[in-house]
Protein backbone atom coordinates (compact mmCIF):
# COMPACT_ATOMS: atom_id res chain seq x y z
CA MET A 1 0.20 -0.02 -14.22
CA TYR A 2 -1.82 -3.69 -13.67
CA LEU A 3 -4.13 -4.11 -16.15
CA ALA A 4 -6.77 -6.61 -15.23
CA GLY A 5 -8.74 -9.68 -17.28
CA SER A 6 -11.45 -12.19 -16.56
CA ARG A 7 -10.80 -15.78 -17.33
CA GLN A 8 -11.16 -14.91 -21.19
CA GLY A 9 -7.65 -13.49 -20.98
CA GLY A 10 -6.44 -10.03 -20.77
CA PHE A 11 -7.47 -6.97 -22.07
CA HIS A 12 -6.47 -3.24 -22.88
CA CYS A 13 -9.98 -1.64 -22.94
CA SER A 14 -10.68 1.89 -21.84
CA ALA A 15 -14.03 0.62 -20.79
CA GLY A 16 -12.42 -2.19 -18.83
CA ASP A 17 -9.65 0.47 -17.32
CA ARG A 18 -12.48 2.81 -16.38
CA LEU A 19 -14.60 0.09 -14.54
CA ILE A 20 -11.40 -0.77 -12.29
CA GLU A 21 -10.75 2.50 -11.72
CA SER A 22 -14.03 2.88 -10.65
CA THR A 23 -14.18 0.44 -8.67
CA ARG A 24 -11.48 1.34 -6.80
CA GLU A 25 -13.00 4.71 -6.09
CA LEU A 26 -15.98 2.98 -4.74
CA LEU A 27 -14.22 -0.02 -2.72
CA TRP A 28 -12.63 3.40 -0.72
CA GLU A 29 -15.34 5.67 -0.21
CA ARG A 30 -18.08 2.84 0.46
CA GLY A 31 -16.31 -0.54 0.77
CA TYR A 32 -17.30 -3.71 -0.42
CA VAL A 33 -20.42 -4.20 1.03
CA GLY A 34 -21.68 -0.40 -0.56
CA THR A 35 -20.33 -0.77 -3.44
CA SER A 36 -23.28 -1.62 -5.80
CA PRO A 37 -22.63 -3.77 -9.54
CA LYS A 38 -25.51 -0.62 -10.60
CA ALA A 39 -22.94 1.92 -9.12
CA ILE A 40 -19.50 1.13 -10.75
CA PRO A 41 -20.87 1.07 -14.55
CA GLU A 42 -22.21 4.39 -13.94
CA ARG A 43 -19.07 5.95 -11.95
CA SER A 44 -17.14 4.91 -14.67
CA GLY A 45 -19.50 6.02 -17.65
CA ALA A 46 -19.59 2.28 -19.23
CA GLY A 47 -22.45 0.34 -19.75
CA GLN A 48 -23.59 -2.28 -17.41
CA GLY A 49 -22.79 -4.94 -20.50
CA SER A 50 -19.57 -3.82 -20.74
CA MET A 51 -19.19 -4.51 -17.11
CA TYR A 52 -19.72 -8.33 -17.88
CA HIS A 53 -18.15 -8.21 -20.90
CA HIS A 54 -14.69 -8.04 -19.13
CA PHE A 55 -15.76 -9.38 -16.39
CA LYS A 56 -17.77 -12.45 -14.23
CA GLY A 57 -19.25 -9.96 -11.67
CA LYS A 58 -18.79 -7.77 -8.72
CA PRO A 59 -16.14 -10.16 -7.10
CA ASP A 60 -14.07 -10.44 -10.39
CA LEU A 61 -14.42 -6.50 -10.80
CA ALA A 62 -13.28 -5.50 -6.72
CA LEU A 63 -10.01 -8.61 -6.61
CA ALA A 64 -8.82 -6.75 -10.40
CA ALA A 65 -9.53 -3.27 -8.47
CA ILE A 66 -7.69 -4.22 -5.59
CA ARG A 67 -4.67 -5.87 -7.21
CA ARG A 68 -4.12 -2.77 -8.92
CA THR A 69 -3.76 -1.19 -5.56
CA ALA A 70 -2.17 -3.31 -4.19
CA GLU A 71 0.42 -3.40 -7.51
CA GLU A 72 0.49 0.69 -7.55
CA MET A 73 1.71 0.35 -3.33
CA ARG A 74 4.54 -1.61 -4.63
CA ALA A 75 6.18 0.25 -7.06
CA THR A 76 5.54 3.15 -5.00
CA ALA A 77 8.03 2.27 -2.44
CA GLU A 78 10.55 -0.06 -4.28
CA GLY A 79 10.68 3.26 -6.43
CA VAL A 80 11.98 4.62 -2.85
CA LEU A 81 13.46 1.58 -1.35
CA ASP A 82 15.56 0.35 -4.37
CA GLY A 83 17.05 3.95 -4.76
CA PRO A 84 20.21 5.31 -3.49
CA GLY A 85 21.37 6.40 -0.67
CA THR A 86 22.50 4.45 2.69
CA PRO A 87 20.03 2.01 4.37
CA TYR A 88 19.07 4.40 6.67
CA GLU A 89 19.06 7.02 4.16
CA ARG A 90 16.66 4.93 1.97
CA ILE A 91 14.00 3.92 4.80
CA GLU A 92 14.29 7.89 5.42
CA ALA A 93 13.26 8.45 2.20
CA TYR A 94 10.21 5.67 2.19
CA LEU A 95 8.97 7.27 5.74
CA ARG A 96 9.24 11.08 4.44
CA ARG A 97 7.99 10.47 1.00
CA GLU A 98 5.08 12.34 -0.18
CA ARG A 99 1.98 10.97 0.98
CA ASP A 100 -2.02 12.08 0.95
CA VAL A 101 -1.74 11.74 4.91
CA LEU A 102 -5.00 12.37 5.67
CA ARG A 103 -6.74 10.17 2.71
CA GLY A 104 -4.87 6.75 4.23
CA CYS A 105 -3.38 4.16 2.73
CA PRO A 106 -5.06 2.83 0.51
CA VAL A 107 -4.21 -1.03 0.79
CA GLY A 108 -4.52 -0.30 4.81
CA ARG A 109 -7.72 0.86 4.74
CA LEU A 110 -8.74 -2.62 2.66
CA THR A 111 -7.55 -4.30 5.79
CA MET A 112 -10.54 -2.84 7.46
CA ASP A 113 -12.97 -4.05 5.38
CA PRO A 114 -14.56 -6.92 6.89
CA TYR A 115 -15.60 -8.41 4.04
CA VAL A 116 -11.94 -8.07 1.97
CA ILE A 117 -10.64 -9.78 4.86
CA ALA A 118 -13.01 -12.85 5.02
CA SER A 119 -12.34 -13.40 1.57
CA ASP A 120 -8.98 -15.48 0.88
CA ALA A 121 -9.04 -14.27 -2.91
CA LEU A 122 -9.85 -10.67 -1.90
CA ARG A 123 -7.35 -10.56 0.97
CA ALA A 124 -4.60 -12.57 -0.64
CA PRO A 125 -3.00 -9.15 -2.52
CA VAL A 126 -3.36 -7.14 0.98
CA ASP A 127 -1.45 -10.01 2.31
CA GLU A 128 1.62 -10.21 -0.29
CA THR A 129 1.90 -6.67 -0.71
CA LEU A 130 2.67 -6.50 3.08
CA ASP A 131 4.00 -9.20 3.25
CA TRP A 132 6.70 -8.22 0.65
CA LEU A 133 6.75 -4.86 2.10
CA ARG A 134 8.13 -6.04 5.89
CA GLU A 135 10.64 -8.69 3.96
CA ARG A 136 12.37 -5.41 1.69
CA LEU A 137 12.67 -3.43 4.92
CA ALA A 138 13.85 -6.31 6.36
CA GLN A 139 16.78 -6.47 4.44
CA ILE A 140 17.37 -3.03 4.10
CA VAL A 141 17.97 -3.15 8.35
CA GLU A 142 20.18 -6.41 7.85
CA GLU A 143 22.13 -4.75 5.18
CA GLY A 144 22.58 -1.31 7.38
CA ARG A 145 23.47 -3.45 10.79
CA GLU A 146 26.09 -5.32 8.68
CA ARG A 147 27.59 -2.28 7.62
CA GLY A 148 27.39 -0.51 10.81
CA GLY A 149 24.69 2.03 10.37
CA PHE A 150 22.05 0.31 12.84
CA ALA A 151 22.79 -1.06 16.29
CA ALA A 152 24.14 -4.14 16.23
CA GLY A 153 21.33 -5.64 18.13
CA LEU A 154 18.74 -4.69 15.84
CA ASP A 155 16.59 -7.36 14.50
CA GLY A 156 15.27 -6.60 10.82
CA GLU A 157 11.96 -8.51 10.98
CA GLU A 158 11.32 -7.05 14.31
CA ILE A 159 12.18 -3.10 13.01
CA ALA A 160 10.56 -3.88 9.23
CA ALA A 161 7.42 -4.45 11.44
CA THR A 162 7.73 -1.04 13.67
CA ILE A 163 7.92 0.53 10.46
CA VAL A 164 5.12 -0.70 8.71
CA ALA A 165 3.25 -0.31 12.27
CA THR A 166 4.28 3.38 12.33
CA VAL A 167 2.94 4.49 8.86
CA GLN A 168 -0.11 2.48 8.94
CA GLY A 169 -0.95 3.92 12.66
CA GLY A 170 0.11 7.40 11.76
CA TYR A 171 -2.42 7.10 9.09
CA VAL A 172 -5.39 6.11 11.47
CA LEU A 173 -4.27 8.95 13.97
CA ALA A 174 -3.98 11.54 11.23
CA ARG A 175 -7.14 11.34 9.97
CA ALA A 176 -8.58 10.72 13.69
CA SER A 177 -6.99 14.43 14.44
CA GLY A 178 -7.42 16.08 11.14
CA SER A 179 -3.97 16.74 10.66
CA PRO A 180 -0.77 15.28 9.22
CA ALA A 181 0.71 16.50 12.55
CA ALA A 182 0.65 12.92 14.32
CA PHE A 183 1.78 11.24 11.84
CA ASP A 184 4.89 13.44 11.37
CA ALA A 185 5.80 13.48 14.38
CA GLY A 186 5.83 8.99 14.68
CA VAL A 187 8.05 8.88 11.64
CA ARG A 188 10.28 11.43 13.65
CA GLY A 189 10.49 9.21 16.57
CA LEU A 190 11.05 6.17 14.66
CA LEU A 191 14.09 7.92 13.08
CA SER A 192 15.42 9.32 15.90
CA LEU A 193 15.74 5.86 17.30
CA LEU A 194 16.83 4.09 14.01
CA SER A 195 19.57 7.02 13.58
CA PRO A 196 22.91 5.55 13.04
CA PRO A 197 25.68 5.81 15.54
CA ALA A 198 27.29 9.20 15.23
CA ASP A 199 30.93 8.05 14.23
CA THR A 200 29.41 5.42 11.39
CA ARG A 201 27.15 8.77 9.32
CA ALA A 202 29.30 9.73 6.71
CA PRO A 203 31.85 12.97 6.67
């Protein structure tokens, strides 16, 4: 798990850890502008002095929280995409993995925060994580195409972008409708389009 620190170096302090987790929760609930420096220590149970002991201020703490969110998303995706199975099966496992669909994607949610997107520093962990995800998915698609598990004409980068768009768009539709059905339908539709030709499947 990612543990952030200030300019003074890393730390392994429970108070600092609670501050990061509280900031993650508040960013999710209220967005950057709505997350006040007063609310963070109140939520964490740490004192105001503890916050400024570990961090330079709200921007520094928000960056630590966003980095942790991005690192966790990457670790979860890696656990599935680098797992066993054919390229199709690994993509299927990624698309079907357990998610709190109605809560949405923590990283995707950050892309809808105007302040985060306007800040190069705060946006960087989000961009890096999504870029990594698209690149890793593209590699898996190319691997599957070379092995005959996907249609020869598929473009890895385009399919990777489609997978990410299906997941992120599925979250939005599910939250709008109050049901995970739209997310599940998008996943089934994409998998049917990617489904390997019958003669390439293992007996």
